[in-house]
């Protein structure tokens, strides 16, 4: 009797199954329907498989959709289309060598065989990163080359400007020296001209002096006439010839005794000197 009671009690205290969302809704609806003229309950909702997006890409660069059944305990499988999309993405990288591409594809195939989606995504991302790193390195090297070329161009331009400045300075200096030489030559020419003119003047003066001497010599040798004597005596005796009277008589007497024109002119010149000293 006691045993049968215990079995019956165990049956009564068995844990009830946890009510699902659908059963709760049905109970609430049934309770409401009992109070609302016994309206029949709505049909139960059937859960649809949920669509989740993964990090996979197909050849058309569109997200690959993998369906997961909530009621199933099996994990979603990675399809060949997913693998081909990743393989195409790796193959389209232009900076990675063929050897590296084959290595990435080999690792991708191995991860696909193990159905490891995360590993496949990591391999694809690693290939993209490597391609990007190569691009950045090439861009950096290109920039460095351009900067080196620009520095070389600036250096050559500076050297060209320096050489041009040196040429201009030498040309300017040469022009200054040339002007100085021209000025010196002009001075020499003027000096030579002046010397030539002076020499000509001196020569003319000497010739004139010689002519005067020759004239005096000829006059000295020329016989003095009475007319010549009278003329010079009259010049000395004139009122404008202001020398002492006794001196006039001396010079007039000399002219009177002179036999040549030289003696006459000598007496007259001496009288002129005495006049000038006054």
Protein backbone atom coordinates (compact mmCIF):
# COMPACT_ATOMS: atom_id res chain seq x y z
CA UNK A 1 0.00 0.00 0.00
CA UNK A 2 2.76 2.39 0.94
CA UNK A 3 4.77 1.48 -2.20
CA UNK A 4 1.89 2.18 -4.53
CA UNK A 5 1.35 5.56 -2.88
CA UNK A 6 4.99 6.47 -3.33
CA UNK A 7 4.91 5.61 -7.07
CA UNK A 8 1.75 7.61 -7.54
CA UNK A 9 3.31 10.54 -5.68
CA UNK A 10 6.41 10.43 -7.93
CA UNK A 11 4.21 10.57 -11.00
CA UNK A 12 2.47 13.63 -9.62
CA UNK A 13 5.69 15.56 -8.81
CA UNK A 14 7.43 14.95 -12.14
CA UNK A 15 8.87 18.22 -13.48
CA UNK A 16 6.73 19.61 -16.20
CA UNK A 17 8.26 20.52 -19.50
CA UNK A 18 9.23 24.19 -19.85
CA UNK A 19 6.48 25.88 -21.82
CA UNK A 20 7.54 27.28 -25.19
CA UNK A 21 6.62 30.69 -26.51
CA UNK A 22 3.91 29.12 -28.71
CA UNK A 23 2.28 27.26 -25.79
CA UNK A 24 2.27 30.41 -23.68
CA UNK A 25 0.63 32.37 -26.47
CA UNK A 26 -1.94 29.58 -26.97
CA UNK A 27 -2.76 29.54 -23.25
CA UNK A 28 -3.19 33.31 -23.19
CA UNK A 29 -5.37 33.11 -26.29
CA UNK A 30 -7.42 30.25 -24.84
CA UNK A 31 -7.96 32.19 -21.63
CA UNK A 32 -9.06 35.21 -23.61
CA UNK A 33 -11.26 33.10 -25.84
CA UNK A 34 -13.04 31.70 -22.82
CA UNK A 35 -13.95 35.23 -21.90
CA UNK A 36 -14.71 36.32 -25.49
CA UNK A 37 -17.51 34.06 -26.67
CA UNK A 38 -15.31 31.02 -27.18
CA UNK A 39 -13.41 32.28 -30.31
CA UNK A 40 -11.23 29.47 -31.71
CA UNK A 41 -7.46 29.91 -31.07
CA UNK A 42 -5.13 31.08 -33.87
CA UNK A 43 -2.96 28.52 -35.62
CA UNK A 44 0.42 27.90 -34.04
CA UNK A 45 3.41 29.74 -35.63
CA UNK A 46 5.97 27.52 -37.27
CA UNK A 47 9.56 28.72 -36.80
CA UNK A 48 11.33 29.34 -40.08
CA UNK A 49 14.99 28.70 -40.55
CA UNK A 50 16.93 31.90 -39.67
CA UNK A 51 19.10 33.44 -42.40
CA UNK A 52 22.51 34.56 -41.21
CA UNK A 53 25.22 36.26 -43.23
CA UNK A 54 28.76 35.04 -42.99
CA UNK A 55 32.03 36.69 -43.92
CA UNK A 56 32.10 34.72 -47.18
CA UNK A 57 31.84 36.28 -50.62
CA UNK A 58 30.80 34.74 -53.90
CA UNK A 59 32.48 35.54 -57.26
CA UNK A 60 30.05 38.40 -57.80
CA UNK A 61 31.26 40.00 -54.53
CA UNK A 62 27.90 39.48 -52.81
CA UNK A 63 27.47 38.11 -49.26
CA UNK A 64 26.92 34.35 -49.22
CA UNK A 65 23.88 33.47 -47.13
CA UNK A 66 23.97 30.30 -45.05
CA UNK A 67 20.71 29.03 -43.53
CA UNK A 68 20.71 27.65 -40.06
CA UNK A 69 17.96 25.46 -38.81
CA UNK A 70 17.27 26.14 -35.15
CA UNK A 71 15.88 22.72 -34.70
CA UNK A 72 18.99 21.09 -36.07
CA UNK A 73 22.18 20.58 -34.13
CA UNK A 74 24.32 20.29 -37.26
CA UNK A 75 26.68 23.23 -38.03
CA UNK A 76 26.30 25.03 -41.43
CA UNK A 77 28.59 23.63 -44.08
CA UNK A 78 30.97 25.78 -46.15
CA UNK A 79 30.06 25.36 -49.80
CA UNK A 80 32.37 25.11 -52.78
CA UNK A 81 30.99 28.43 -53.96
CA UNK A 82 32.34 30.01 -50.79
CA UNK A 83 35.74 28.49 -51.35
CA UNK A 84 35.79 29.51 -55.02
CA UNK A 85 34.83 33.07 -54.10
CA UNK A 86 37.75 33.28 -51.66
CA UNK A 87 40.06 31.60 -54.14
CA UNK A 88 39.00 34.10 -56.82
CA UNK A 89 39.59 36.96 -54.39
CA UNK A 90 43.13 35.70 -53.74
CA UNK A 91 43.74 35.09 -57.43
CA UNK A 92 42.70 38.64 -58.28
CA UNK A 93 45.42 40.16 -56.09
CA UNK A 94 47.94 41.71 -58.47
CA UNK A 95 50.91 42.32 -56.20
CA UNK A 96 51.32 38.81 -54.79
CA UNK A 97 53.54 36.39 -56.69
CA UNK A 98 52.18 33.15 -58.16
CA UNK A 99 54.12 31.13 -55.60
CA UNK A 100 52.49 32.97 -52.71
CA UNK A 101 49.08 32.67 -54.33
CA UNK A 102 49.50 28.90 -54.63
CA UNK A 103 50.55 28.73 -50.97
CA UNK A 104 47.46 30.67 -49.88
CA UNK A 105 45.19 28.53 -52.08
CA UNK A 106 46.72 25.36 -50.63
CA UNK A 107 46.05 26.56 -47.10
CA UNK A 108 42.55 27.59 -48.16
CA UNK A 109 41.83 24.09 -49.56
CA UNK A 110 43.04 22.51 -46.33
CA UNK A 111 40.80 24.77 -44.23
CA UNK A 112 37.89 23.99 -46.60
CA UNK A 113 38.43 20.27 -46.10
CA UNK A 114 38.26 20.88 -42.34
CA UNK A 115 35.14 23.02 -42.88
CA UNK A 116 36.84 25.82 -40.88
CA UNK A 117 35.16 29.00 -42.07
CA UNK A 118 37.06 31.25 -39.69
CA UNK A 119 40.38 29.85 -40.86
CA UNK A 120 39.42 30.34 -44.52
CA UNK A 121 38.40 33.95 -43.83
CA UNK A 122 41.65 34.57 -41.96
CA UNK A 123 43.68 33.14 -44.87
CA UNK A 124 41.85 35.34 -47.36
CA UNK A 125 42.31 38.43 -45.16
CA UNK A 126 45.98 37.59 -44.70
CA UNK A 127 46.42 37.45 -48.50
CA UNK A 128 44.63 40.78 -48.90
CA UNK A 129 46.78 42.32 -46.16
CA UNK A 130 49.96 40.99 -47.77
CA UNK A 131 48.87 42.44 -51.12
CA UNK A 132 48.10 45.78 -49.44
CA UNK A 133 51.48 45.76 -47.67
CA UNK A 134 53.22 45.18 -50.98
CA UNK A 135 51.24 48.01 -52.55
CA UNK A 136 52.19 50.33 -49.69
CA UNK A 137 55.84 49.30 -49.94
CA UNK A 138 55.87 49.90 -53.69
CA UNK A 139 54.16 53.26 -53.21
CA UNK A 140 56.70 54.15 -50.53
CA UNK A 141 59.61 53.15 -52.78
CA UNK A 142 58.07 55.10 -55.65
CA UNK A 143 57.69 58.16 -53.41
CA UNK A 144 61.29 57.80 -52.22
CA UNK A 145 62.49 57.59 -55.84
CA UNK A 146 60.45 60.64 -56.77
CA UNK A 147 61.81 62.52 -53.76
CA UNK A 148 65.35 61.47 -54.73
CA UNK A 149 64.74 62.64 -58.30
CA UNK A 150 63.31 65.93 -57.01
CA UNK A 151 66.31 66.40 -54.71
CA UNK A 152 68.67 65.65 -57.60
CA UNK A 153 66.76 68.05 -59.82
CA UNK A 154 66.98 70.79 -57.18
CA UNK A 155 70.69 70.10 -56.73
CA UNK A 156 71.31 70.30 -60.46
CA UNK A 157 69.24 73.48 -60.65
CA UNK A 158 71.26 75.01 -57.81
CA UNK A 159 74.53 74.02 -59.51
CA UNK A 160 73.29 75.45 -62.80
CA UNK A 161 72.28 78.69 -61.08
CA UNK A 162 75.66 78.83 -59.34
CA UNK A 163 77.53 78.26 -62.60
CA UNK A 164 75.41 80.90 -64.29
CA UNK A 165 76.12 83.36 -61.48
CA UNK A 166 79.85 82.63 -61.77
CA UNK A 167 79.72 83.16 -65.53
CA UNK A 168 77.83 86.43 -65.05
CA UNK A 169 80.36 87.56 -62.43
CA UNK A 170 83.30 86.71 -64.70
CA UNK A 171 81.61 88.45 -67.60
CA UNK A 172 80.96 91.52 -65.45
CA UNK A 173 84.53 91.53 -64.22
CA UNK A 174 85.79 91.17 -67.78
CA UNK A 175 83.63 94.11 -68.86
CA UNK A 176 85.02 96.21 -66.00
CA UNK A 177 88.60 95.32 -66.98
CA UNK A 178 87.77 96.04 -70.59
CA UNK A 179 86.35 99.45 -69.72
CA UNK A 180 89.38 100.20 -67.58
CA UNK A 181 91.71 99.19 -70.43
CA UNK A 182 89.71 101.30 -72.86
CA UNK A 183 89.89 104.25 -70.48
CA UNK A 184 93.65 103.75 -70.10
CA UNK A 185 94.06 103.51 -73.87
CA UNK A 186 92.02 106.66 -74.31
CA UNK A 187 94.20 108.44 -71.75
CA UNK A 188 97.32 107.23 -73.56
CA UNK A 189 95.90 108.36 -76.85
CA UNK A 190 95.06 111.77 -75.44
CA UNK A 191 98.49 111.99 -73.83
CA UNK A 192 100.16 110.98 -77.05
CA UNK A 193 98.03 113.46 -78.89
CA UNK A 194 98.90 116.15 -76.37
CA UNK A 195 102.56 115.22 -76.57
CA UNK A 196 102.39 115.25 -80.31
CA UNK A 197 100.71 118.62 -80.25
CA UNK A 198 103.20 119.89 -77.69
CA UNK A 199 106.04 118.53 -79.75
CA UNK A 200 104.60 120.19 -82.79
CA UNK A 201 104.22 123.45 -80.84
CA UNK A 202 107.74 123.15 -79.50
CA UNK A 203 109.06 122.39 -82.93
CA UNK A 204 107.14 125.32 -84.37
CA UNK A 205 108.49 127.54 -81.60
CA UNK A 206 111.98 126.36 -82.25
CA UNK A 207 111.51 126.96 -85.94
CA UNK A 208 110.13 130.41 -85.22
CA UNK A 209 113.06 131.15 -82.93
CA UNK A 210 115.46 129.96 -85.55
CA UNK A 211 113.69 132.11 -88.09
CA UNK A 212 113.89 135.08 -85.75
CA UNK A 213 117.55 134.42 -85.14
CA UNK A 214 118.10 134.08 -88.82
CA UNK A 215 116.25 137.32 -89.38
CA UNK A 216 118.32 139.02 -86.70
CA UNK A 217 121.43 137.61 -88.22
CA UNK A 218 120.43 138.84 -91.61
CA UNK A 219 119.40 142.18 -90.14
CA UNK A 220 122.66 142.33 -88.27
CA UNK A 221 124.53 141.83 -91.46
CA UNK A 222 122.27 144.20 -93.38
CA UNK A 223 123.65 147.68 -93.84
CA UNK A 224 121.77 150.34 -91.95
CA UNK A 225 120.38 153.11 -94.13
CA UNK A 226 119.73 156.72 -93.11
CA UNK A 227 116.00 156.09 -93.37
CA UNK A 228 116.16 153.16 -91.00
CA UNK A 229 118.23 155.14 -88.50
CA UNK A 230 115.89 158.14 -88.68
CA UNK A 231 112.85 155.91 -88.11
CA UNK A 232 114.14 154.33 -84.89
CA UNK A 233 115.52 157.63 -83.62
CA UNK A 234 112.08 159.17 -84.06
CA UNK A 235 110.48 156.34 -82.08
CA UNK A 236 112.86 156.94 -79.17
CA UNK A 237 112.44 160.76 -79.28
CA UNK A 238 108.63 160.53 -79.26
CA UNK A 239 106.76 161.92 -76.23
CA UNK A 240 105.12 158.58 -75.63
CA UNK A 241 108.53 156.95 -75.20
CA UNK A 242 108.92 158.05 -71.59
CA UNK A 243 112.53 157.51 -70.57
CA UNK A 244 114.97 160.09 -69.26
CA UNK A 245 116.19 162.56 -71.85
CA UNK A 246 119.85 161.81 -71.22
CA UNK A 247 119.09 158.10 -71.88
CA UNK A 248 117.29 159.01 -75.09
CA UNK A 249 120.35 160.86 -76.26
CA UNK A 250 122.54 157.82 -75.50
CA UNK A 251 120.38 155.44 -77.53
CA UNK A 252 119.88 157.92 -80.37
CA UNK A 253 123.65 158.42 -80.50
CA UNK A 254 124.22 154.68 -80.73
CA UNK A 255 121.76 154.42 -83.60
CA UNK A 256 123.49 157.34 -85.32
CA UNK A 257 126.86 155.59 -85.10
CA UNK A 258 125.50 152.15 -86.13
CA UNK A 259 126.54 150.79 -89.49
CA UNK A 260 124.27 147.73 -89.60
CA UNK A 261 120.61 147.10 -88.85
CA UNK A 262 121.63 144.74 -86.07
CA UNK A 263 123.31 147.55 -84.17
CA UNK A 264 120.30 149.79 -84.77
CA UNK A 265 117.84 147.14 -83.45
CA UNK A 266 120.08 146.37 -80.50
CA UNK A 267 120.10 150.02 -79.39
CA UNK A 268 116.33 150.28 -79.86
CA UNK A 269 115.68 146.96 -77.91
CA UNK A 270 117.80 148.19 -74.99
CA UNK A 271 115.76 151.42 -74.95
CA UNK A 272 112.57 149.25 -74.92
CA UNK A 273 113.87 147.28 -71.91
CA UNK A 274 114.58 150.48 -70.03
CA UNK A 275 111.03 151.64 -70.84
CA UNK A 276 109.58 148.36 -69.57
CA UNK A 277 111.51 148.53 -66.29
CA UNK A 278 109.90 151.87 -65.51
